[in-house]
Structure formats: C-alpha cells, structure tokens
C-alpha atoms as a PDB file:
ATOM      1  CA  UNK A   1    -105.860 -42.780   3.936  1.00  0.00           C
ATOM      2  CA  UNK A   2    -105.534 -45.290   7.252  1.00  0.00           C
ATOM      3  CA  UNK A   3    -105.372 -48.149   4.867  1.00  0.00           C
ATOM      4  CA  UNK A   4    -102.957 -46.429   2.576  1.00  0.00           C
ATOM      5  CA  UNK A   5    -100.647 -45.899   5.773  1.00  0.00           C
ATOM      6  CA  UNK A   6    -101.110 -49.297   7.003  1.00  0.00           C
ATOM      7  CA  UNK A   7    -100.544 -50.904   3.733  1.00  0.00           C
ATOM      8  CA  UNK A   8     -97.606 -49.182   3.064  1.00  0.00           C
ATOM      9  CA  UNK A   9     -95.522 -48.856   6.336  1.00  0.00           C
ATOM     10  CA  UNK A  10     -92.307 -50.445   5.196  1.00  0.00           C
ATOM     11  CA  UNK A  11     -91.882 -47.978   2.248  1.00  0.00           C
ATOM     12  CA  UNK A  12     -93.059 -44.955   4.541  1.00  0.00           C
ATOM     13  CA  UNK A  13     -90.297 -45.856   7.292  1.00  0.00           C
ATOM     14  CA  UNK A  14     -87.350 -46.316   5.016  1.00  0.00           C
ATOM     15  CA  UNK A  15     -88.566 -43.068   3.127  1.00  0.00           C
ATOM     16  CA  UNK A  16     -88.446 -41.137   6.367  1.00  0.00           C
ATOM     17  CA  UNK A  17     -85.553 -42.943   7.648  1.00  0.00           C
ATOM     18  CA  UNK A  18     -83.266 -42.111   4.694  1.00  0.00           C
ATOM     19  CA  UNK A  19     -84.555 -38.601   4.084  1.00  0.00           C
ATOM     20  CA  UNK A  20     -84.109 -37.608   7.756  1.00  0.00           C
ATOM     21  CA  UNK A  21     -80.557 -39.289   7.881  1.00  0.00           C
ATOM     22  CA  UNK A  22     -79.591 -37.207   4.727  1.00  0.00           C
ATOM     23  CA  UNK A  23     -80.617 -34.138   5.966  1.00  0.00           C
ATOM     24  CA  UNK A  24     -79.385 -34.277   9.478  1.00  0.00           C
ATOM     25  CA  UNK A  25     -75.843 -35.242   7.886  1.00  0.00           C
ATOM     26  CA  UNK A  26     -75.851 -32.583   5.540  1.00  0.00           C
ATOM     27  CA  UNK A  27     -76.790 -29.978   8.548  1.00  0.00           C
ATOM     28  CA  UNK A  28     -74.176 -31.461  10.676  1.00  0.00           C
ATOM     29  CA  UNK A  29     -71.520 -30.769   7.814  1.00  0.00           C
ATOM     30  CA  UNK A  30     -72.734 -27.092   7.498  1.00  0.00           C
ATOM     31  CA  UNK A  31     -73.268 -25.841  11.034  1.00  0.00           C
ATOM     32  CA  UNK A  32     -71.885 -28.411  13.589  1.00  0.00           C
ATOM     33  CA  UNK A  33     -73.064 -27.787  17.338  1.00  0.00           C
ATOM     34  CA  UNK A  34     -69.672 -29.223  18.821  1.00  0.00           C
ATOM     35  CA  UNK A  35     -66.705 -30.645  17.518  1.00  0.00           C
ATOM     36  CA  UNK A  36     -66.006 -34.166  16.999  1.00  0.00           C
ATOM     37  CA  UNK A  37     -63.635 -36.037  19.141  1.00  0.00           C
ATOM     38  CA  UNK A  38     -63.549 -39.002  16.589  1.00  0.00           C
ATOM     39  CA  UNK A  39     -63.506 -39.755  13.368  1.00  0.00           C
ATOM     40  CA  UNK A  40     -66.949 -40.163  11.540  1.00  0.00           C
ATOM     41  CA  UNK A  41     -66.074 -43.396   9.661  1.00  0.00           C
ATOM     42  CA  UNK A  42     -65.619 -45.903  12.529  1.00  0.00           C
ATOM     43  CA  UNK A  43     -68.422 -44.651  14.503  1.00  0.00           C
ATOM     44  CA  UNK A  44     -70.729 -44.999  11.650  1.00  0.00           C
ATOM     45  CA  UNK A  45     -69.653 -48.338  10.873  1.00  0.00           C
ATOM     46  CA  UNK A  46     -70.639 -49.196  14.439  1.00  0.00           C
ATOM     47  CA  UNK A  47     -73.985 -47.420  14.904  1.00  0.00           C
ATOM     48  CA  UNK A  48     -75.335 -48.302  11.443  1.00  0.00           C
ATOM     49  CA  UNK A  49     -74.016 -52.209  11.825  1.00  0.00           C
ATOM     50  CA  UNK A  50     -76.314 -52.117  15.156  1.00  0.00           C
ATOM     51  CA  UNK A  51     -79.140 -51.031  13.269  1.00  0.00           C
ATOM     52  CA  UNK A  52     -78.631 -53.979  10.645  1.00  0.00           C
ATOM     53  CA  UNK A  53     -78.378 -56.475  13.481  1.00  0.00           C
ATOM     54  CA  UNK A  54     -81.508 -55.229  15.263  1.00  0.00           C
ATOM     55  CA  UNK A  55     -83.462 -55.112  12.236  1.00  0.00           C
ATOM     56  CA  UNK A  56     -82.709 -58.934  11.316  1.00  0.00           C
ATOM     57  CA  UNK A  57     -83.298 -59.864  15.022  1.00  0.00           C
ATOM     58  CA  UNK A  58     -86.704 -58.120  15.318  1.00  0.00           C
ATOM     59  CA  UNK A  59     -87.587 -60.014  12.191  1.00  0.00           C
ATOM     60  CA  UNK A  60     -86.392 -63.413  13.257  1.00  0.00           C
ATOM     61  CA  UNK A  61     -88.327 -62.892  16.879  1.00  0.00           C
ATOM     62  CA  UNK A  62     -91.605 -61.600  15.789  1.00  0.00           C
ATOM     63  CA  UNK A  63     -94.229 -62.623  13.509  1.00  0.00           C
ATOM     64  CA  UNK A  64     -95.796 -59.754  13.347  1.00  0.00           C
ATOM     65  CA  UNK A  65     -94.947 -56.083  14.561  1.00  0.00           C
ATOM     66  CA  UNK A  66     -96.993 -53.155  16.379  1.00  0.00           C
ATOM     67  CA  UNK A  67     -98.861 -52.305  13.705  1.00  0.00           C
ATOM     68  CA  UNK A  68    -100.200 -55.968  13.066  1.00  0.00           C
ATOM     69  CA  UNK A  69    -101.058 -55.857  16.629  1.00  0.00           C
ATOM     70  CA  UNK A  70    -103.287 -52.813  16.066  1.00  0.00           C
ATOM     71  CA  UNK A  71    -104.987 -54.550  13.314  1.00  0.00           C
ATOM     72  CA  UNK A  72    -106.033 -57.484  15.487  1.00  0.00           C
ATOM     73  CA  UNK A  73    -106.780 -55.449  18.245  1.00  0.00           C
ATOM     74  CA  UNK A  74    -109.589 -53.409  16.046  1.00  0.00           C
ATOM     75  CA  UNK A  75    -110.821 -56.889  14.719  1.00  0.00           C
ATOM     76  CA  UNK A  76    -111.298 -58.322  18.144  1.00  0.00           C
ATOM     77  CA  UNK A  77    -112.405 -55.478  20.424  1.00  0.00           C
ATOM     78  CA  UNK A  78    -109.248 -55.364  22.148  1.00  0.00           C
ATOM     79  CA  UNK A  79    -107.679 -52.135  23.883  1.00  0.00           C
ATOM     80  CA  UNK A  80    -109.519 -48.663  25.254  1.00  0.00           C
ATOM     81  CA  UNK A  81    -109.846 -46.980  21.925  1.00  0.00           C
ATOM     82  CA  UNK A  82    -111.759 -50.155  20.356  1.00  0.00           C
ATOM     83  CA  UNK A  83    -114.510 -49.731  23.043  1.00  0.00           C
ATOM     84  CA  UNK A  84    -115.241 -46.032  23.368  1.00  0.00           C
ATOM     85  CA  UNK A  85    -116.963 -43.988  21.131  1.00  0.00           C
ATOM     86  CA  UNK A  86    -114.783 -40.888  20.210  1.00  0.00           C
ATOM     87  CA  UNK A  87    -114.092 -38.726  16.939  1.00  0.00           C
ATOM     88  CA  UNK A  88    -111.473 -40.737  15.050  1.00  0.00           C
ATOM     89  CA  UNK A  89    -109.092 -37.392  14.983  1.00  0.00           C
ATOM     90  CA  UNK A  90    -108.885 -37.405  18.848  1.00  0.00           C
ATOM     91  CA  UNK A  91    -108.486 -41.076  18.826  1.00  0.00           C
ATOM     92  CA  UNK A  92    -105.661 -40.753  16.418  1.00  0.00           C
ATOM     93  CA  UNK A  93    -103.806 -37.880  18.382  1.00  0.00           C
ATOM     94  CA  UNK A  94    -104.480 -39.360  21.842  1.00  0.00           C
ATOM     95  CA  UNK A  95    -102.961 -42.577  20.448  1.00  0.00           C
ATOM     96  CA  UNK A  96     -99.797 -40.852  19.611  1.00  0.00           C
ATOM     97  CA  UNK A  97     -99.606 -39.060  22.575  1.00  0.00           C
ATOM     98  CA  UNK A  98    -100.168 -41.980  24.828  1.00  0.00           C
ATOM     99  CA  UNK A  99     -97.614 -44.337  23.052  1.00  0.00           C
ATOM    100  CA  UNK A 100     -94.961 -41.614  23.626  1.00  0.00           C
ATOM    101  CA  UNK A 101     -95.630 -41.537  27.273  1.00  0.00           C
ATOM    102  CA  UNK A 102     -95.377 -45.170  27.317  1.00  0.00           C
ATOM    103  CA  UNK A 103     -91.699 -44.699  25.447  1.00  0.00           C
ATOM    104  CA  UNK A 104     -90.796 -42.193  27.936  1.00  0.00           C
ATOM    105  CA  UNK A 105     -91.558 -44.479  30.804  1.00  0.00           C
ATOM    106  CA  UNK A 106     -89.587 -47.268  29.199  1.00  0.00           C
ATOM    107  CA  UNK A 107     -86.825 -44.878  28.788  1.00  0.00           C
ATOM    108  CA  UNK A 108     -86.912 -43.879  32.485  1.00  0.00           C
ATOM    109  CA  UNK A 109     -87.340 -47.790  33.460  1.00  0.00           C
ATOM    110  CA  UNK A 110     -84.090 -48.628  31.475  1.00  0.00           C
ATOM    111  CA  UNK A 111     -82.303 -45.943  33.581  1.00  0.00           C
ATOM    112  CA  UNK A 112     -83.966 -47.224  36.709  1.00  0.00           C
ATOM    113  CA  UNK A 113     -83.118 -51.000  36.658  1.00  0.00           C
ATOM    114  CA  UNK A 114     -79.433 -52.014  36.783  1.00  0.00           C
ATOM    115  CA  UNK A 115     -80.036 -55.064  34.667  1.00  0.00           C
ATOM    116  CA  UNK A 116     -81.814 -52.900  31.746  1.00  0.00           C
ATOM    117  CA  UNK A 117     -79.106 -50.355  32.043  1.00  0.00           C
ATOM    118  CA  UNK A 118     -76.671 -52.769  30.964  1.00  0.00           C
ATOM    119  CA  UNK A 119     -78.633 -52.992  27.668  1.00  0.00           C
ATOM    120  CA  UNK A 120     -79.072 -49.248  27.614  1.00  0.00           C
ATOM    121  CA  UNK A 121     -75.938 -48.160  28.393  1.00  0.00           C
ATOM    122  CA  UNK A 122     -74.544 -48.974  24.912  1.00  0.00           C
ATOM    123  CA  UNK A 123     -76.533 -46.105  23.597  1.00  0.00           C
ATOM    124  CA  UNK A 124     -74.693 -43.827  26.125  1.00  0.00           C
ATOM    125  CA  UNK A 125     -71.166 -45.108  25.545  1.00  0.00           C
ATOM    126  CA  UNK A 126     -70.931 -43.065  22.300  1.00  0.00           C
ATOM    127  CA  UNK A 127     -68.423 -40.170  22.968  1.00  0.00           C
ATOM    128  CA  UNK A 128     -69.557 -37.882  20.215  1.00  0.00           C
ATOM    129  CA  UNK A 129     -73.538 -37.643  19.446  1.00  0.00           C
ATOM    130  CA  UNK A 130     -74.586 -37.221  15.791  1.00  0.00           C
ATOM    131  CA  UNK A 131     -77.643 -38.561  13.673  1.00  0.00           C
ATOM    132  CA  UNK A 132     -76.320 -42.023  14.247  1.00  0.00           C
ATOM    133  CA  UNK A 133     -76.414 -41.828  17.784  1.00  0.00           C
ATOM    134  CA  UNK A 134     -80.216 -41.880  17.569  1.00  0.00           C
ATOM    135  CA  UNK A 135     -80.150 -45.378  16.186  1.00  0.00           C
ATOM    136  CA  UNK A 136     -77.316 -46.964  18.473  1.00  0.00           C
ATOM    137  CA  UNK A 137     -79.569 -49.279  20.649  1.00  0.00           C
ATOM    138  CA  UNK A 138     -78.605 -52.869  21.550  1.00  0.00           C
ATOM    139  CA  UNK A 139     -80.770 -55.419  19.540  1.00  0.00           C
ATOM    140  CA  UNK A 140     -81.924 -56.889  22.704  1.00  0.00           C
ATOM    141  CA  UNK A 141     -82.884 -53.467  23.853  1.00  0.00           C
ATOM    142  CA  UNK A 142     -84.982 -53.275  20.474  1.00  0.00           C
ATOM    143  CA  UNK A 143     -86.593 -56.389  21.036  1.00  0.00           C
ATOM    144  CA  UNK A 144     -87.540 -55.341  24.807  1.00  0.00           C
ATOM    145  CA  UNK A 145     -89.059 -52.161  23.348  1.00  0.00           C
ATOM    146  CA  UNK A 146     -91.082 -53.854  20.726  1.00  0.00           C
ATOM    147  CA  UNK A 147     -92.572 -56.209  23.364  1.00  0.00           C
ATOM    148  CA  UNK A 148     -93.563 -53.162  25.215  1.00  0.00           C
ATOM    149  CA  UNK A 149     -95.051 -51.450  22.276  1.00  0.00           C
ATOM    150  CA  UNK A 150     -97.065 -54.162  21.451  1.00  0.00           C
ATOM    151  CA  UNK A 151     -98.335 -54.651  24.913  1.00  0.00           C
ATOM    152  CA  UNK A 152     -99.267 -50.745  25.041  1.00  0.00           C
ATOM    153  CA  UNK A 153    -101.032 -51.204  21.565  1.00  0.00           C
ATOM    154  CA  UNK A 154    -103.043 -53.931  22.606  1.00  0.00           C
ATOM    155  CA  UNK A 155    -104.247 -52.297  25.514  1.00  0.00           C
ATOM    156  CA  UNK A 156    -104.805 -48.832  23.953  1.00  0.00           C
ATOM    157  CA  UNK A 157    -106.419 -50.648  20.583  1.00  0.00           C
ATOM    158  CA  UNK A 158    -105.293 -47.323  18.597  1.00  0.00           C
ATOM    159  CA  UNK A 159    -105.762 -47.206  14.755  1.00  0.00           C
ATOM    160  CA  UNK A 160    -103.101 -49.080  12.881  1.00  0.00           C
ATOM    161  CA  UNK A 161    -102.441 -45.743  10.876  1.00  0.00           C
ATOM    162  CA  UNK A 162    -101.510 -44.178  14.401  1.00  0.00           C
ATOM    163  CA  UNK A 163     -99.174 -46.580  15.060  1.00  0.00           C
ATOM    164  CA  UNK A 164     -97.374 -46.344  11.923  1.00  0.00           C
ATOM    165  CA  UNK A 165     -97.166 -42.444  12.391  1.00  0.00           C
ATOM    166  CA  UNK A 166     -96.187 -42.830  15.705  1.00  0.00           C
ATOM    167  CA  UNK A 167     -93.015 -45.054  14.612  1.00  0.00           C
ATOM    168  CA  UNK A 168     -92.148 -43.257  11.787  1.00  0.00           C
ATOM    169  CA  UNK A 169     -92.087 -39.914  14.133  1.00  0.00           C
ATOM    170  CA  UNK A 170     -90.212 -41.925  16.796  1.00  0.00           C
ATOM    171  CA  UNK A 171     -87.746 -43.005  14.364  1.00  0.00           C
ATOM    172  CA  UNK A 172     -87.292 -39.508  12.809  1.00  0.00           C
ATOM    173  CA  UNK A 173     -87.155 -37.549  15.924  1.00  0.00           C
ATOM    174  CA  UNK A 174     -84.538 -39.650  17.399  1.00  0.00           C
ATOM    175  CA  UNK A 175     -82.214 -38.900  14.496  1.00  0.00           C
ATOM    176  CA  UNK A 176     -83.142 -35.384  14.881  1.00  0.00           C
ATOM    177  CA  UNK A 177     -82.596 -34.807  18.605  1.00  0.00           C
ATOM    178  CA  UNK A 178     -79.225 -36.368  18.538  1.00  0.00           C
ATOM    179  CA  UNK A 179     -78.117 -34.718  15.528  1.00  0.00           C
ATOM    180  CA  UNK A 180     -74.927 -32.443  15.764  1.00  0.00           C
ATOM    181  CA  UNK A 181     -76.070 -29.308  14.234  1.00  0.00           C
ATOM    182  CA  UNK A 182     -76.614 -25.806  15.556  1.00  0.00           C
ATOM    183  CA  UNK A 183     -79.937 -24.504  15.985  1.00  0.00           C
ATOM    184  CA  UNK A 184     -80.666 -20.667  16.700  1.00  0.00           C
ATOM    185  CA  UNK A 185     -81.116 -20.135  20.331  1.00  0.00           C
ATOM    186  CA  UNK A 186     -83.941 -18.442  19.915  1.00  0.00           C
ATOM    187  CA  UNK A 187     -85.487 -21.340  17.713  1.00  0.00           C
ATOM    188  CA  UNK A 188     -84.437 -23.571  20.210  1.00  0.00           C
ATOM    189  CA  UNK A 189     -86.189 -21.973  22.963  1.00  0.00           C
ATOM    190  CA  UNK A 190     -89.580 -21.840  20.876  1.00  0.00           C
ATOM    191  CA  UNK A 191     -89.127 -25.394  19.234  1.00  0.00           C
ATOM    192  CA  UNK A 192     -88.452 -27.251  22.571  1.00  0.00           C
ATOM    193  CA  UNK A 193     -91.932 -26.464  23.867  1.00  0.00           C
ATOM    194  CA  UNK A 194     -93.440 -28.771  21.148  1.00  0.00           C
ATOM    195  CA  UNK A 195     -90.476 -31.313  20.229  1.00  0.00           C
ATOM    196  CA  UNK A 196     -87.249 -32.552  21.929  1.00  0.00           C
ATOM    197  CA  UNK A 197     -84.493 -30.346  20.338  1.00  0.00           C
ATOM    198  CA  UNK A 198     -80.783 -31.509  20.024  1.00  0.00           C
ATOM    199  CA  UNK A 199     -79.738 -28.986  22.822  1.00  0.00           C
ATOM    200  CA  UNK A 200     -82.264 -30.486  25.051  1.00  0.00           C
ATOM    201  CA  UNK A 201     -81.645 -34.107  24.368  1.00  0.00           C
ATOM    202  CA  UNK A 202     -77.738 -33.485  24.632  1.00  0.00           C
ATOM    203  CA  UNK A 203     -77.886 -32.773  28.156  1.00  0.00           C
ATOM    204  CA  UNK A 204     -79.124 -36.473  28.530  1.00  0.00           C
ATOM    205  CA  UNK A 205     -75.944 -37.838  27.385  1.00  0.00           C
ATOM    206  CA  UNK A 206     -73.709 -35.706  29.860  1.00  0.00           C
ATOM    207  CA  UNK A 207     -71.004 -37.704  31.679  1.00  0.00           C
ATOM    208  CA  UNK A 208     -72.562 -36.529  34.987  1.00  0.00           C
ATOM    209  CA  UNK A 209     -75.110 -39.020  36.200  1.00  0.00           C
ATOM    210  CA  UNK A 210     -77.704 -36.306  37.531  1.00  0.00           C
ATOM    211  CA  UNK A 211     -77.676 -34.896  33.814  1.00  0.00           C
ATOM    212  CA  UNK A 212     -77.579 -38.570  32.180  1.00  0.00           C
ATOM    213  CA  UNK A 213     -80.745 -39.235  34.263  1.00  0.00           C
ATOM    214  CA  UNK A 214     -82.625 -36.011  32.977  1.00  0.00           C
ATOM    215  CA  UNK A 215     -84.382 -35.209  29.599  1.00  0.00           C
ATOM    216  CA  UNK A 216     -85.649 -38.635  28.579  1.00  0.00           C
ATOM    217  CA  UNK A 217     -88.168 -37.618  26.280  1.00  0.00           C
ATOM    218  CA  UNK A 218     -87.835 -38.261  22.242  1.00  0.00           C
ATOM    219  CA  UNK A 219     -90.729 -37.035  20.554  1.00  0.00           C
ATOM    220  CA  UNK A 220     -92.488 -34.528  22.803  1.00  0.00           C
ATOM    221  CA  UNK A 221     -90.727 -32.454  25.708  1.00  0.00           C
ATOM    222  CA  UNK A 222     -93.758 -32.270  28.041  1.00  0.00           C
ATOM    223  CA  UNK A 223     -93.273 -35.483  30.106  1.00  0.00           C
ATOM    224  CA  UNK A 224     -89.745 -34.598  31.204  1.00  0.00           C
ATOM    225  CA  UNK A 225     -91.433 -31.165  32.722  1.00  0.00           C
ATOM    226  CA  UNK A 226     -94.517 -32.793  33.866  1.00  0.00           C
ATOM    227  CA  UNK A 227     -92.633 -35.606  35.891  1.00  0.00           C
ATOM    228  CA  UNK A 228     -89.672 -33.300  36.908  1.00  0.00           C
ATOM    229  CA  UNK A 229     -87.026 -34.691  35.049  1.00  0.00           C
ATOM    230  CA  UNK A 230     -86.398 -31.868  32.695  1.00  0.00           C
ATOM    231  CA  UNK A 231     -83.026 -29.847  32.814  1.00  0.00           C
ATOM    232  CA  UNK A 232     -82.573 -27.064  30.368  1.00  0.00           C
ATOM    233  CA  UNK A 233     -78.904 -27.067  30.109  1.00  0.00           C
ATOM    234  CA  UNK A 234     -75.863 -28.872  30.889  1.00  0.00           C
ATOM    235  CA  UNK A 235     -73.565 -27.244  33.628  1.00  0.00           C
ATOM    236  CA  UNK A 236     -70.365 -27.078  31.531  1.00  0.00           C
ATOM    237  CA  UNK A 237     -72.289 -25.721  28.674  1.00  0.00           C
ATOM    238  CA  UNK A 238     -72.606 -27.686  25.087  1.00  0.00           C
ATOM    239  CA  UNK A 239     -69.320 -27.075  23.799  1.00  0.00           C
ATOM    240  CA  UNK A 240     -67.653 -27.855  26.995  1.00  0.00           C
ATOM    241  CA  UNK A 241     -69.599 -30.909  28.096  1.00  0.00           C
ATOM    242  CA  UNK A 242     -68.291 -34.169  28.233  1.00  0.00           C
ATOM    243  CA  UNK A 243     -70.439 -36.746  26.263  1.00  0.00           C
ATOM    244  CA  UNK A 244     -70.669 -40.443  27.072  1.00  0.00           C
ATOM    245  CA  UNK A 245     -69.873 -42.509  30.377  1.00  0.00           C
ATOM    246  CA  UNK A 246     -66.683 -42.033  32.363  1.00  0.00           C
ATOM    247  CA  UNK A 247     -66.076 -45.848  32.673  1.00  0.00           C
ATOM    248  CA  UNK A 248     -65.876 -45.968  28.372  1.00  0.00           C
ATOM    249  CA  UNK A 249     -63.630 -43.405  27.128  1.00  0.00           C
ATOM    250  CA  UNK A 250     -61.587 -45.517  24.443  1.00  0.00           C
ATOM    251  CA  UNK A 251     -63.257 -44.991  21.242  1.00  0.00           C
ATOM    252  CA  UNK A 252     -61.209 -48.010  19.568  1.00  0.00           C
ATOM    253  CA  UNK A 253     -62.706 -50.382  22.264  1.00  0.00           C
ATOM    254  CA  UNK A 254     -66.229 -49.483  20.864  1.00  0.00           C
ATOM    255  CA  UNK A 255     -66.352 -51.411  17.809  1.00  0.00           C
ATOM    256  CA  UNK A 256     -69.414 -53.149  16.578  1.00  0.00           C
ATOM    257  CA  UNK A 257     -68.414 -56.565  18.274  1.00  0.00           C
ATOM    258  CA  UNK A 258     -67.600 -54.891  21.457  1.00  0.00           C
ATOM    259  CA  UNK A 259     -70.819 -52.995  21.683  1.00  0.00           C
ATOM    260  CA  UNK A 260     -72.736 -56.400  21.137  1.00  0.00           C
ATOM    261  CA  UNK A 261     -71.255 -57.974  24.027  1.00  0.00           C
ATOM    262  CA  UNK A 262     -71.133 -54.991  26.169  1.00  0.00           C
ATOM    263  CA  UNK A 263     -74.097 -55.877  28.526  1.00  0.00           C
ATOM    264  CA  UNK A 264     -72.764 -58.963  29.594  1.00  0.00           C
ATOM    265  CA  UNK A 265     -69.354 -57.633  30.760  1.00  0.00           C
ATOM    266  CA  UNK A 266     -70.336 -54.137  31.490  1.00  0.00           C
ATOM    267  CA  UNK A 267     -69.059 -51.983  34.377  1.00  0.00           C
ATOM    268  CA  UNK A 268     -72.425 -50.144  35.606  1.00  0.00           C
ATOM    269  CA  UNK A 269     -70.811 -47.152  37.425  1.00  0.00           C
ATOM    270  CA  UNK A 270     -72.889 -44.715  39.118  1.00  0.00           C
ATOM    271  CA  UNK A 271     -75.438 -44.162  36.386  1.00  0.00           C
ATOM    272  CA  UNK A 272     -78.826 -46.429  37.436  1.00  0.00           C
ATOM    273  CA  UNK A 273     -81.395 -44.010  39.009  1.00  0.00           C
ATOM    274  CA  UNK A 274     -80.990 -45.910  42.212  1.00  0.00           C
ATOM    275  CA  UNK A 275     -77.172 -46.042  42.622  1.00  0.00           C
ATOM    276  CA  UNK A 276     -76.502 -42.480  41.207  1.00  0.00           C
ATOM    277  CA  UNK A 277     -73.613 -39.983  42.591  1.00  0.00           C
ATOM    278  CA  UNK A 278     -74.599 -36.361  41.567  1.00  0.00           C
ATOM    279  CA  UNK A 279     -70.828 -35.436  42.338  1.00  0.00           C
ATOM    280  CA  UNK A 280     -68.794 -34.713  39.211  1.00  0.00           C
ATOM    281  CA  UNK A 281     -66.361 -37.230  38.475  1.00  0.00           C
ATOM    282  CA  UNK A 282     -63.243 -35.391  39.760  1.00  0.00           C
ATOM    283  CA  UNK A 283     -64.950 -34.932  43.282  1.00  0.00           C
ATOM    284  CA  UNK A 284     -65.750 -38.732  43.586  1.00  0.00           C
ATOM    285  CA  UNK A 285     -62.142 -39.409  42.734  1.00  0.00           C
ATOM    286  CA  UNK A 286     -60.880 -37.098  45.280  1.00  0.00           C
ATOM    287  CA  UNK A 287     -63.525 -38.799  47.800  1.00  0.00           C
END
C-alpha cells in the first residue's frame, strides 16, 4: 500500500483536489453561509491563476518534493522515525500529526514576521471566502512552505506514504475550511473537535487584527486550543463580519498580476502579531 501511494502521488493529489473542489463548489451553491460581495468569475480567475503560477514555480525550483525527501531519508537513515523501533501504524499517524504541527507553527510565523506577512497577506486580501480561497497563496510563500516541509521531513523521517497522505489532507482541508457553505451548528460544534471547520477558520479572515491572529490551524484544531490561539466565533457574527484587510477593500484592484506584486508594494497595516492593534478600525480612526 505504501509503495502504491508513493508511486501514484500526483494522481491521488489531482483526484482529491478536483473532487473536493467540485463538492465544495456544489455545497456553496446549494447552501451558502454568507452572501457574496463580489462576482465569482473574477475571483476564481485570480485564485486559480495563482495555483497555476505556484505549481510551475515549484516544479522549476525543486528537483524533488517532500515525498522524495522522505524516500531519501529512509534510504540513508535520516530523521527520528528512521532511528527508533516503533509500530508502522504509530509512526504513520505520528508523522501526519507532527507535520500538521509544523504547518501550524509556519502559519504563526508568517503572521509574526513582517517580511513573511508581506507574502501571506495576499491570502488575506480576498474579500469573500470560498473554496478557492484555500488555494490563494503567493507563489513565493508556497516555495518557502515547501522548503520548511522538506526540512521537517528530513528531520522526522516519516514514511513516504504518510507524507503523501498529509499533503492530500492539507490541500483538501484548506479548501474545506475556506468553503462558504452552511454546516448545522450542532454538526459544526462536534466536527471542530477533530477538524478545522469553515466557521472556525472564517474567524481568521476577519478584518480585526486580534481575530486575524487566531485559529491558525488547517487540518486539526487542537494546536490552537493548546497554544491559546483559539477563538470560537467572530465578534460580529459570521453573517455580519467583514472579511479581508482594511487596507485592501477594492476588489477590482486585486487581479492576478496585482496579487503577484503585492508583497513588494504592500502596506502592512496593524496585522503582523508584533505590531497588531486590537481595536476595531472605527476606534483606530477616531484616535
């Protein structure tokens, strides 16, 4: 099974990507959580265009990806799990859990360091959230994220199949928890105990810095609870909250070519963790 998963990584990732994208888009159309403030076509062109640019850049920069590093690590005895005697199932599950912790910490880092926030803020300039928002990351951020994942894989020595499963889960849950569909509140309350739900992650895209700097998880919700970054609901409610960044409210100015140059011309505002102002925008303006 591990050999099959590792050998068919590209196919598995494409099937999962396409399947989740279609299912989430159908659910968004059938039972939307929030009304859109912009048309879908223009946003989708920008968001999916970023995916294409990122995929091309990653393939140009890296001769092998995280799964390839896992294979080399196993062959050469690199990493924690290649040097301890544990049951395969435990190593498999622990690898996925620890890689998810790495992504959580990476996400916090991209909010904490202003230079990295310049890259990550492109993700937060989306004025609506839907399934494609989970794909809207600057290509340079994707490259840096791949470097971090490859380093984590070399240090941990996880099975190659676990890396593939983690990558598929990360991509799928990113689309799921950005999707604009309505989960029954009771279902959301139970589901967010084991996975980051759309209502949980939407708080992270609030215009208020103290809400933007919360709910960093992608796959699992436990890290936010453990490290004190969990916020259950937005202060203005899900229908009333404002999505995005206060410095970027013109959707027509967020076309693909503008998004790609945004890190080099961006106004950072109060959003990086070490310069955040927790007051609402109206109070900051009055001051």
